[in-house]
Amino acid sequence: MKWLDFAVGLATGVISGFGIGGGSLLILYLTAVAGVNQYTAGGINLLYFIGCAPAALLSHIRHKDVIWRAVLFCTLSGVVTSVAAAFVGAHIEVGLLRRLFGGLLLYIGVKELFAKAPKKRRPNLGFLRPVWYDKEKEAHRMEFQTEPGRLFLQDENGRLLAEVTFPAVSLKVVNINHTFVHASLRGQGVADDMMKALVRQLRAQGKKARLTCSYASGWFARHPEYADVITTGFLE
């Protein structure tokens, strides 16, 4: 059975890294297949995540997909409710607890199975609204900030939302080597607006750009109307 436990650990680790409920599946395996009681399965799951969560978190931090203020609020409230729930759970009959857990999984499964694809909408960042979000007009203003070799967007707390970097390789040529958009804003046209802002800046300064960023290369390939700012050389 150890090989199966190992395989399940690998699979739930992958699913947990994606952030889609590996712990729930692990508990289901432990109780339904391995014959572990509900309380013990819960304890194993908590210890399992002590190792798995930091490993997945490193990737999320590297991709700037963590809102730290949200982490603070969720952690403070989660610790309190976890302690309370653990105390209450210890006094609930195991069979009832398993049925409640099974009902929760069934509800989530059915809900996800028949859920409609969400419509694209303005990201709701709550207390972390970016600087370009106008609460009065409910509109985007896309006011990118600039500094030498960089065009970027931040929220009111200084959290990076989007950026494109283009260090100079000569007096009149820059190298577009990196683009980034925060996960909460992807699919909203932010990268497109950022690239257009960069093109306007390059044209105003009479500069050309080399492309070593894969996104920038693809974007310019889709927008031949901006080909006048592209060069393959180092000098102009």
C-alpha atoms as a PDB file:
ATOM      1  CA  MET A   1       0.000   0.000   0.000  1.00  0.00           C
ATOM      2  CA  LYS A   2       2.996   2.263   0.523  1.00  0.00           C
ATOM      3  CA  TRP A   3       3.535   2.694  -3.209  1.00  0.00           C
ATOM      4  CA  LEU A   4      -0.080   3.837  -3.586  1.00  0.00           C
ATOM      5  CA  ASP A   5       0.297   6.276  -0.686  1.00  0.00           C
ATOM      6  CA  PHE A   6       3.430   7.631  -2.369  1.00  0.00           C
ATOM      7  CA  ALA A   7       1.655   7.999  -5.728  1.00  0.00           C
ATOM      8  CA  VAL A   8      -1.308   9.758  -4.110  1.00  0.00           C
ATOM      9  CA  GLY A   9       1.103  12.086  -2.321  1.00  0.00           C
ATOM     10  CA  LEU A  10       2.721  12.980  -5.641  1.00  0.00           C
ATOM     11  CA  ALA A  11      -0.613  13.576  -7.363  1.00  0.00           C
ATOM     12  CA  THR A  12      -2.121  15.679  -4.584  1.00  0.00           C
ATOM     13  CA  GLY A  13       1.128  17.651  -4.383  1.00  0.00           C
ATOM     14  CA  VAL A  14       0.805  18.591  -8.047  1.00  0.00           C
ATOM     15  CA  ILE A  15      -2.850  19.517  -7.581  1.00  0.00           C
ATOM     16  CA  SER A  16      -2.033  21.531  -4.458  1.00  0.00           C
ATOM     17  CA  GLY A  17       0.647  23.411  -6.372  1.00  0.00           C
ATOM     18  CA  PHE A  18      -2.021  24.437  -8.861  1.00  0.00           C
ATOM     19  CA  GLY A  19      -4.106  25.657  -5.915  1.00  0.00           C
ATOM     20  CA  ILE A  20      -7.176  23.545  -6.731  1.00  0.00           C
ATOM     21  CA  GLY A  21      -7.839  21.432  -3.622  1.00  0.00           C
ATOM     22  CA  GLY A  22      -5.212  18.722  -3.273  1.00  0.00           C
ATOM     23  CA  GLY A  23      -5.862  18.535   0.464  1.00  0.00           C
ATOM     24  CA  SER A  24      -9.522  17.651  -0.006  1.00  0.00           C
ATOM     25  CA  LEU A  25      -8.601  14.805  -2.344  1.00  0.00           C
ATOM     26  CA  LEU A  26      -5.953  13.580   0.083  1.00  0.00           C
ATOM     27  CA  ILE A  27      -8.494  13.382   2.905  1.00  0.00           C
ATOM     28  CA  LEU A  28     -10.909  11.581   0.600  1.00  0.00           C
ATOM     29  CA  TYR A  29      -8.251   8.992  -0.254  1.00  0.00           C
ATOM     30  CA  LEU A  30      -7.208   8.496   3.365  1.00  0.00           C
ATOM     31  CA  THR A  31     -10.770   7.971   4.614  1.00  0.00           C
ATOM     32  CA  ALA A  32     -12.341   6.121   1.693  1.00  0.00           C
ATOM     33  CA  VAL A  33      -9.414   3.988   0.496  1.00  0.00           C
ATOM     34  CA  ALA A  34      -6.734   3.806   3.196  1.00  0.00           C
ATOM     35  CA  GLY A  35      -9.256   3.305   6.002  1.00  0.00           C
ATOM     36  CA  VAL A  36      -7.973   6.178   8.147  1.00  0.00           C
ATOM     37  CA  ASN A  37     -10.518   7.791  10.467  1.00  0.00           C
ATOM     38  CA  GLN A  38     -11.637  11.349   9.754  1.00  0.00           C
ATOM     39  CA  TYR A  39      -9.763  13.008  12.619  1.00  0.00           C
ATOM     40  CA  THR A  40      -6.480  11.266  11.809  1.00  0.00           C
ATOM     41  CA  ALA A  41      -6.886  12.083   8.105  1.00  0.00           C
ATOM     42  CA  GLY A  42      -7.340  15.743   9.014  1.00  0.00           C
ATOM     43  CA  GLY A  43      -4.150  15.693  11.073  1.00  0.00           C
ATOM     44  CA  ILE A  44      -2.182  14.027   8.271  1.00  0.00           C
ATOM     45  CA  ASN A  45      -3.502  16.604   5.823  1.00  0.00           C
ATOM     46  CA  LEU A  46      -2.400  19.507   8.039  1.00  0.00           C
ATOM     47  CA  LEU A  47       1.103  18.065   8.451  1.00  0.00           C
ATOM     48  CA  TYR A  48       1.223  17.346   4.704  1.00  0.00           C
ATOM     49  CA  PHE A  49       0.627  21.008   3.940  1.00  0.00           C
ATOM     50  CA  ILE A  50       3.381  22.166   6.282  1.00  0.00           C
ATOM     51  CA  GLY A  51       5.759  20.755   3.684  1.00  0.00           C
ATOM     52  CA  CYS A  52       3.789  21.365   0.484  1.00  0.00           C
ATOM     53  CA  ALA A  53       2.479  24.881   1.077  1.00  0.00           C
ATOM     54  CA  PRO A  54       5.889  26.645   1.404  1.00  0.00           C
ATOM     55  CA  ALA A  55       7.165  24.928  -1.756  1.00  0.00           C
ATOM     56  CA  ALA A  56       4.168  26.121  -3.797  1.00  0.00           C
ATOM     57  CA  LEU A  57       4.259  29.529  -2.125  1.00  0.00           C
ATOM     58  CA  LEU A  58       7.784  30.210  -3.390  1.00  0.00           C
ATOM     59  CA  SER A  59       6.551  30.013  -6.978  1.00  0.00           C
ATOM     60  CA  HIS A  60       3.593  32.301  -6.262  1.00  0.00           C
ATOM     61  CA  ILE A  61       5.880  34.852  -4.606  1.00  0.00           C
ATOM     62  CA  ARG A  62       8.331  34.723  -7.515  1.00  0.00           C
ATOM     63  CA  HIS A  63       5.492  35.456  -9.942  1.00  0.00           C
ATOM     64  CA  LYS A  64       4.165  38.232  -7.661  1.00  0.00           C
ATOM     65  CA  ASP A  65       0.839  36.416  -7.218  1.00  0.00           C
ATOM     66  CA  VAL A  66       0.533  37.063  -3.480  1.00  0.00           C
ATOM     67  CA  ILE A  67      -1.425  39.972  -1.983  1.00  0.00           C
ATOM     68  CA  TRP A  68       0.262  40.280   1.399  1.00  0.00           C
ATOM     69  CA  ARG A  69      -2.384  42.408   3.060  1.00  0.00           C
ATOM     70  CA  ALA A  70      -4.993  39.833   2.122  1.00  0.00           C
ATOM     71  CA  VAL A  71      -2.729  37.122   3.571  1.00  0.00           C
ATOM     72  CA  LEU A  72      -2.589  39.017   6.859  1.00  0.00           C
ATOM     73  CA  PHE A  73      -6.346  39.398   7.194  1.00  0.00           C
ATOM     74  CA  CYS A  74      -7.101  35.830   6.084  1.00  0.00           C
ATOM     75  CA  THR A  75      -4.462  34.357   8.398  1.00  0.00           C
ATOM     76  CA  LEU A  76      -5.652  36.251  11.470  1.00  0.00           C
ATOM     77  CA  SER A  77      -9.262  35.210  10.953  1.00  0.00           C
ATOM     78  CA  GLY A  78      -8.338  31.697   9.790  1.00  0.00           C
ATOM     79  CA  VAL A  79      -6.276  30.879  12.883  1.00  0.00           C
ATOM     80  CA  VAL A  80      -9.137  31.805  15.189  1.00  0.00           C
ATOM     81  CA  THR A  81     -11.785  29.860  13.256  1.00  0.00           C
ATOM     82  CA  SER A  82      -9.479  26.836  12.780  1.00  0.00           C
ATOM     83  CA  VAL A  83      -8.960  26.507  16.516  1.00  0.00           C
ATOM     84  CA  ALA A  84     -12.685  26.852  17.135  1.00  0.00           C
ATOM     85  CA  ALA A  85     -13.586  24.352  14.402  1.00  0.00           C
ATOM     86  CA  ALA A  86     -11.026  21.815  15.654  1.00  0.00           C
ATOM     87  CA  PHE A  87     -12.546  22.025  19.133  1.00  0.00           C
ATOM     88  CA  VAL A  88     -16.089  21.590  17.819  1.00  0.00           C
ATOM     89  CA  GLY A  89     -15.063  18.815  15.426  1.00  0.00           C
ATOM     90  CA  ALA A  90     -13.568  16.768  18.255  1.00  0.00           C
ATOM     91  CA  HIS A  91     -17.054  16.536  19.793  1.00  0.00           C
ATOM     92  CA  ILE A  92     -18.916  15.573  16.599  1.00  0.00           C
ATOM     93  CA  GLU A  93     -19.604  11.912  15.874  1.00  0.00           C
ATOM     94  CA  VAL A  94     -17.184  10.636  13.202  1.00  0.00           C
ATOM     95  CA  GLY A  95     -19.911   9.331  10.907  1.00  0.00           C
ATOM     96  CA  LEU A  96     -21.666  12.682  10.898  1.00  0.00           C
ATOM     97  CA  LEU A  97     -18.389  14.495  10.256  1.00  0.00           C
ATOM     98  CA  ARG A  98     -17.663  12.272   7.258  1.00  0.00           C
ATOM     99  CA  ARG A  99     -21.131  12.853   5.843  1.00  0.00           C
ATOM    100  CA  LEU A 100     -20.741  16.609   6.248  1.00  0.00           C
ATOM    101  CA  PHE A 101     -17.359  16.479   4.524  1.00  0.00           C
ATOM    102  CA  GLY A 102     -18.748  14.297   1.735  1.00  0.00           C
ATOM    103  CA  GLY A 103     -21.692  16.646   1.255  1.00  0.00           C
ATOM    104  CA  LEU A 104     -19.321  19.608   0.984  1.00  0.00           C
ATOM    105  CA  LEU A 105     -17.227  17.852  -1.670  1.00  0.00           C
ATOM    106  CA  LEU A 106     -20.361  16.861  -3.574  1.00  0.00           C
ATOM    107  CA  TYR A 107     -21.661  20.438  -3.523  1.00  0.00           C
ATOM    108  CA  ILE A 108     -18.344  21.842  -4.756  1.00  0.00           C
ATOM    109  CA  GLY A 109     -18.088  19.201  -7.476  1.00  0.00           C
ATOM    110  CA  VAL A 110     -21.595  19.785  -8.797  1.00  0.00           C
ATOM    111  CA  LYS A 111     -21.168  23.546  -8.635  1.00  0.00           C
ATOM    112  CA  GLU A 112     -17.917  23.445 -10.618  1.00  0.00           C
ATOM    113  CA  LEU A 113     -19.288  20.910 -13.091  1.00  0.00           C
ATOM    114  CA  PHE A 114     -22.243  23.059 -14.092  1.00  0.00           C
ATOM    115  CA  ALA A 115     -20.726  26.490 -13.524  1.00  0.00           C
ATOM    116  CA  LYS A 116     -20.785  28.817 -16.500  1.00  0.00           C
ATOM    117  CA  ALA A 117     -17.597  30.429 -17.729  1.00  0.00           C
ATOM    118  CA  PRO A 118     -17.195  33.762 -15.915  1.00  0.00           C
ATOM    119  CA  LYS A 119     -17.591  36.894 -17.957  1.00  0.00           C
ATOM    120  CA  LYS A 120     -14.584  39.153 -18.312  1.00  0.00           C
ATOM    121  CA  ARG A 121     -14.908  42.012 -15.911  1.00  0.00           C
ATOM    122  CA  ARG A 122     -12.895  44.640 -14.123  1.00  0.00           C
ATOM    123  CA  PRO A 123     -10.751  42.931 -11.465  1.00  0.00           C
ATOM    124  CA  ASN A 124     -12.021  43.474  -7.929  1.00  0.00           C
ATOM    125  CA  LEU A 125      -8.999  44.117  -5.734  1.00  0.00           C
ATOM    126  CA  GLY A 126     -11.003  45.553  -2.835  1.00  0.00           C
ATOM    127  CA  PHE A 127      -8.747  47.553  -0.554  1.00  0.00           C
ATOM    128  CA  LEU A 128      -5.872  46.996  -3.019  1.00  0.00           C
ATOM    129  CA  ARG A 129      -7.360  48.943  -5.932  1.00  0.00           C
ATOM    130  CA  PRO A 130      -4.615  50.030  -8.356  1.00  0.00           C
ATOM    131  CA  VAL A 131      -3.839  53.684  -8.930  1.00  0.00           C
ATOM    132  CA  TRP A 132      -5.526  53.585 -12.342  1.00  0.00           C
ATOM    133  CA  TYR A 133      -8.921  52.589 -10.846  1.00  0.00           C
ATOM    134  CA  ASP A 134     -11.219  55.618 -10.632  1.00  0.00           C
ATOM    135  CA  LYS A 135     -13.868  54.912  -7.985  1.00  0.00           C
ATOM    136  CA  GLU A 136     -15.941  57.913  -9.010  1.00  0.00           C
ATOM    137  CA  LYS A 137     -16.112  57.172 -12.728  1.00  0.00           C
ATOM    138  CA  GLU A 138     -15.657  53.397 -12.437  1.00  0.00           C
ATOM    139  CA  ALA A 139     -13.158  53.575 -15.282  1.00  0.00           C
ATOM    140  CA  HIS A 140      -9.563  52.614 -16.087  1.00  0.00           C
ATOM    141  CA  ARG A 141      -7.086  55.386 -16.714  1.00  0.00           C
ATOM    142  CA  MET A 142      -3.923  53.375 -17.384  1.00  0.00           C
ATOM    143  CA  GLU A 143      -1.470  55.981 -16.173  1.00  0.00           C
ATOM    144  CA  PHE A 144       1.806  54.109 -16.487  1.00  0.00           C
ATOM    145  CA  GLN A 145       4.831  55.397 -14.625  1.00  0.00           C
ATOM    146  CA  THR A 146       8.179  55.692 -16.355  1.00  0.00           C
ATOM    147  CA  GLU A 147      11.831  55.635 -15.434  1.00  0.00           C
ATOM    148  CA  PRO A 148      14.913  55.037 -17.591  1.00  0.00           C
ATOM    149  CA  GLY A 149      14.505  51.696 -19.327  1.00  0.00           C
ATOM    150  CA  ARG A 150      11.234  50.848 -17.592  1.00  0.00           C
ATOM    151  CA  LEU A 151       7.502  51.518 -17.894  1.00  0.00           C
ATOM    152  CA  PHE A 152       5.325  50.174 -15.078  1.00  0.00           C
ATOM    153  CA  LEU A 153       2.057  50.271 -13.145  1.00  0.00           C
ATOM    154  CA  GLN A 154       1.621  50.139  -9.355  1.00  0.00           C
ATOM    155  CA  ASP A 155      -1.317  50.198  -6.979  1.00  0.00           C
ATOM    156  CA  GLU A 156      -1.662  52.747  -4.201  1.00  0.00           C
ATOM    157  CA  ASN A 157       0.383  50.531  -1.856  1.00  0.00           C
ATOM    158  CA  GLY A 158       3.344  50.273  -4.219  1.00  0.00           C
ATOM    159  CA  ARG A 159       2.582  46.716  -5.336  1.00  0.00           C
ATOM    160  CA  LEU A 160       3.785  46.055  -8.880  1.00  0.00           C
ATOM    161  CA  LEU A 161       0.890  45.365 -11.257  1.00  0.00           C
ATOM    162  CA  ALA A 162       2.574  45.490 -14.651  1.00  0.00           C
ATOM    163  CA  GLU A 163       5.902  46.415 -16.220  1.00  0.00           C
ATOM    164  CA  VAL A 164       7.969  46.314 -19.361  1.00  0.00           C
ATOM    165  CA  THR A 165      11.735  46.819 -19.254  1.00  0.00           C
ATOM    166  CA  PHE A 166      13.823  48.072 -22.162  1.00  0.00           C
ATOM    167  CA  PRO A 167      17.457  48.913 -21.292  1.00  0.00           C
ATOM    168  CA  ALA A 168      19.403  50.982 -23.797  1.00  0.00           C
ATOM    169  CA  VAL A 169      21.875  49.165 -26.044  1.00  0.00           C
ATOM    170  CA  SER A 170      22.966  52.318 -27.858  1.00  0.00           C
ATOM    171  CA  LEU A 171      22.035  55.978 -28.017  1.00  0.00           C
ATOM    172  CA  LYS A 172      18.956  55.357 -30.150  1.00  0.00           C
ATOM    173  CA  VAL A 173      18.212  51.644 -29.609  1.00  0.00           C
ATOM    174  CA  VAL A 174      16.659  49.851 -26.643  1.00  0.00           C
ATOM    175  CA  ASN A 175      16.141  46.151 -25.952  1.00  0.00           C
ATOM    176  CA  ILE A 176      12.628  45.119 -24.861  1.00  0.00           C
ATOM    177  CA  ASN A 177      13.629  42.146 -22.724  1.00  0.00           C
ATOM    178  CA  HIS A 178      10.861  41.620 -20.160  1.00  0.00           C
ATOM    179  CA  THR A 179       7.108  42.097 -19.652  1.00  0.00           C
ATOM    180  CA  PHE A 180       4.971  41.296 -16.622  1.00  0.00           C
ATOM    181  CA  VAL A 181       1.295  41.616 -15.678  1.00  0.00           C
ATOM    182  CA  HIS A 182      -0.068  40.605 -12.281  1.00  0.00           C
ATOM    183  CA  ALA A 183      -2.317  37.535 -12.352  1.00  0.00           C
ATOM    184  CA  SER A 184      -5.322  39.549 -11.155  1.00  0.00           C
ATOM    185  CA  LEU A 185      -5.138  41.753 -14.281  1.00  0.00           C
ATOM    186  CA  ARG A 186      -4.355  39.211 -16.978  1.00  0.00           C
ATOM    187  CA  GLY A 187      -6.854  39.029 -19.793  1.00  0.00           C
ATOM    188  CA  GLN A 188      -7.928  42.636 -19.200  1.00  0.00           C
ATOM    189  CA  GLY A 189      -5.862  44.259 -21.977  1.00  0.00           C
ATOM    190  CA  VAL A 190      -3.296  45.742 -19.586  1.00  0.00           C
ATOM    191  CA  ALA A 191      -0.280  44.342 -21.450  1.00  0.00           C
ATOM    192  CA  ASP A 192      -1.653  45.620 -24.751  1.00  0.00           C
ATOM    193  CA  ASP A 193      -2.138  49.134 -23.356  1.00  0.00           C
ATOM    194  CA  MET A 194       1.329  49.020 -21.812  1.00  0.00           C
ATOM    195  CA  MET A 195       2.974  48.085 -25.120  1.00  0.00           C
ATOM    196  CA  LYS A 196       1.094  50.850 -26.928  1.00  0.00           C
ATOM    197  CA  ALA A 197       2.280  53.333 -24.304  1.00  0.00           C
ATOM    198  CA  LEU A 198       5.839  52.121 -24.876  1.00  0.00           C
ATOM    199  CA  VAL A 199       5.495  52.560 -28.650  1.00  0.00           C
ATOM    200  CA  ARG A 200       4.281  56.138 -28.136  1.00  0.00           C
ATOM    201  CA  GLN A 201       7.270  56.839 -25.919  1.00  0.00           C
ATOM    202  CA  LEU A 202       9.766  55.362 -28.381  1.00  0.00           C
ATOM    203  CA  ARG A 203       8.298  57.317 -31.261  1.00  0.00           C
ATOM    204  CA  ALA A 204       8.349  60.550 -29.258  1.00  0.00           C
ATOM    205  CA  GLN A 205      12.027  59.989 -28.406  1.00  0.00           C
ATOM    206  CA  GLY A 206      12.977  58.887 -31.927  1.00  0.00           C
ATOM    207  CA  LYS A 207      14.208  55.506 -30.710  1.00  0.00           C
ATOM    208  CA  LYS A 208      14.067  51.954 -32.089  1.00  0.00           C
ATOM    209  CA  ALA A 209      13.672  48.668 -30.241  1.00  0.00           C
ATOM    210  CA  ARG A 210      15.190  45.218 -30.442  1.00  0.00           C
ATOM    211  CA  LEU A 211      13.017  42.351 -29.182  1.00  0.00           C
ATOM    212  CA  THR A 212      14.345  39.631 -26.871  1.00  0.00           C
ATOM    213  CA  CYS A 213      11.119  39.253 -24.878  1.00  0.00           C
ATOM    214  CA  SER A 214       8.858  36.523 -26.287  1.00  0.00           C
ATOM    215  CA  TYR A 215       5.662  38.398 -25.425  1.00  0.00           C
ATOM    216  CA  ALA A 216       6.927  41.594 -27.072  1.00  0.00           C
ATOM    217  CA  SER A 217       7.932  39.662 -30.189  1.00  0.00           C
ATOM    218  CA  GLY A 218       4.485  38.114 -30.450  1.00  0.00           C
ATOM    219  CA  TRP A 219       2.749  41.420 -29.773  1.00  0.00           C
ATOM    220  CA  PHE A 220       4.628  43.284 -32.516  1.00  0.00           C
ATOM    221  CA  ALA A 221       3.985  40.377 -34.904  1.00  0.00           C
ATOM    222  CA  ARG A 222       0.263  40.886 -34.290  1.00  0.00           C
ATOM    223  CA  HIS A 223       0.552  44.655 -34.727  1.00  0.00           C
ATOM    224  CA  PRO A 224       2.444  45.388 -37.955  1.00  0.00           C
ATOM    225  CA  GLU A 225       1.299  49.023 -37.728  1.00  0.00           C
ATOM    226  CA  TYR A 226       4.001  49.536 -35.093  1.00  0.00           C
ATOM    227  CA  ALA A 227       6.822  47.958 -37.109  1.00  0.00           C
ATOM    228  CA  ASP A 228       8.435  51.372 -37.591  1.00  0.00           C
ATOM    229  CA  VAL A 229       9.913  51.205 -34.073  1.00  0.00           C
ATOM    230  CA  ILE A 230      11.528  47.789 -34.568  1.00  0.00           C
ATOM    231  CA  THR A 231      15.140  47.185 -35.555  1.00  0.00           C
ATOM    232  CA  THR A 232      17.394  44.146 -35.642  1.00  0.00           C
ATOM    233  CA  GLY A 233      20.602  46.112 -35.206  1.00  0.00           C
ATOM    234  CA  PHE A 234      22.355  47.740 -32.272  1.00  0.00           C
ATOM    235  CA  LEU A 235      23.014  51.102 -33.899  1.00  0.00           C
ATOM    236  CA  GLU A 236      20.780  53.497 -35.735  1.00  0.00           C
END
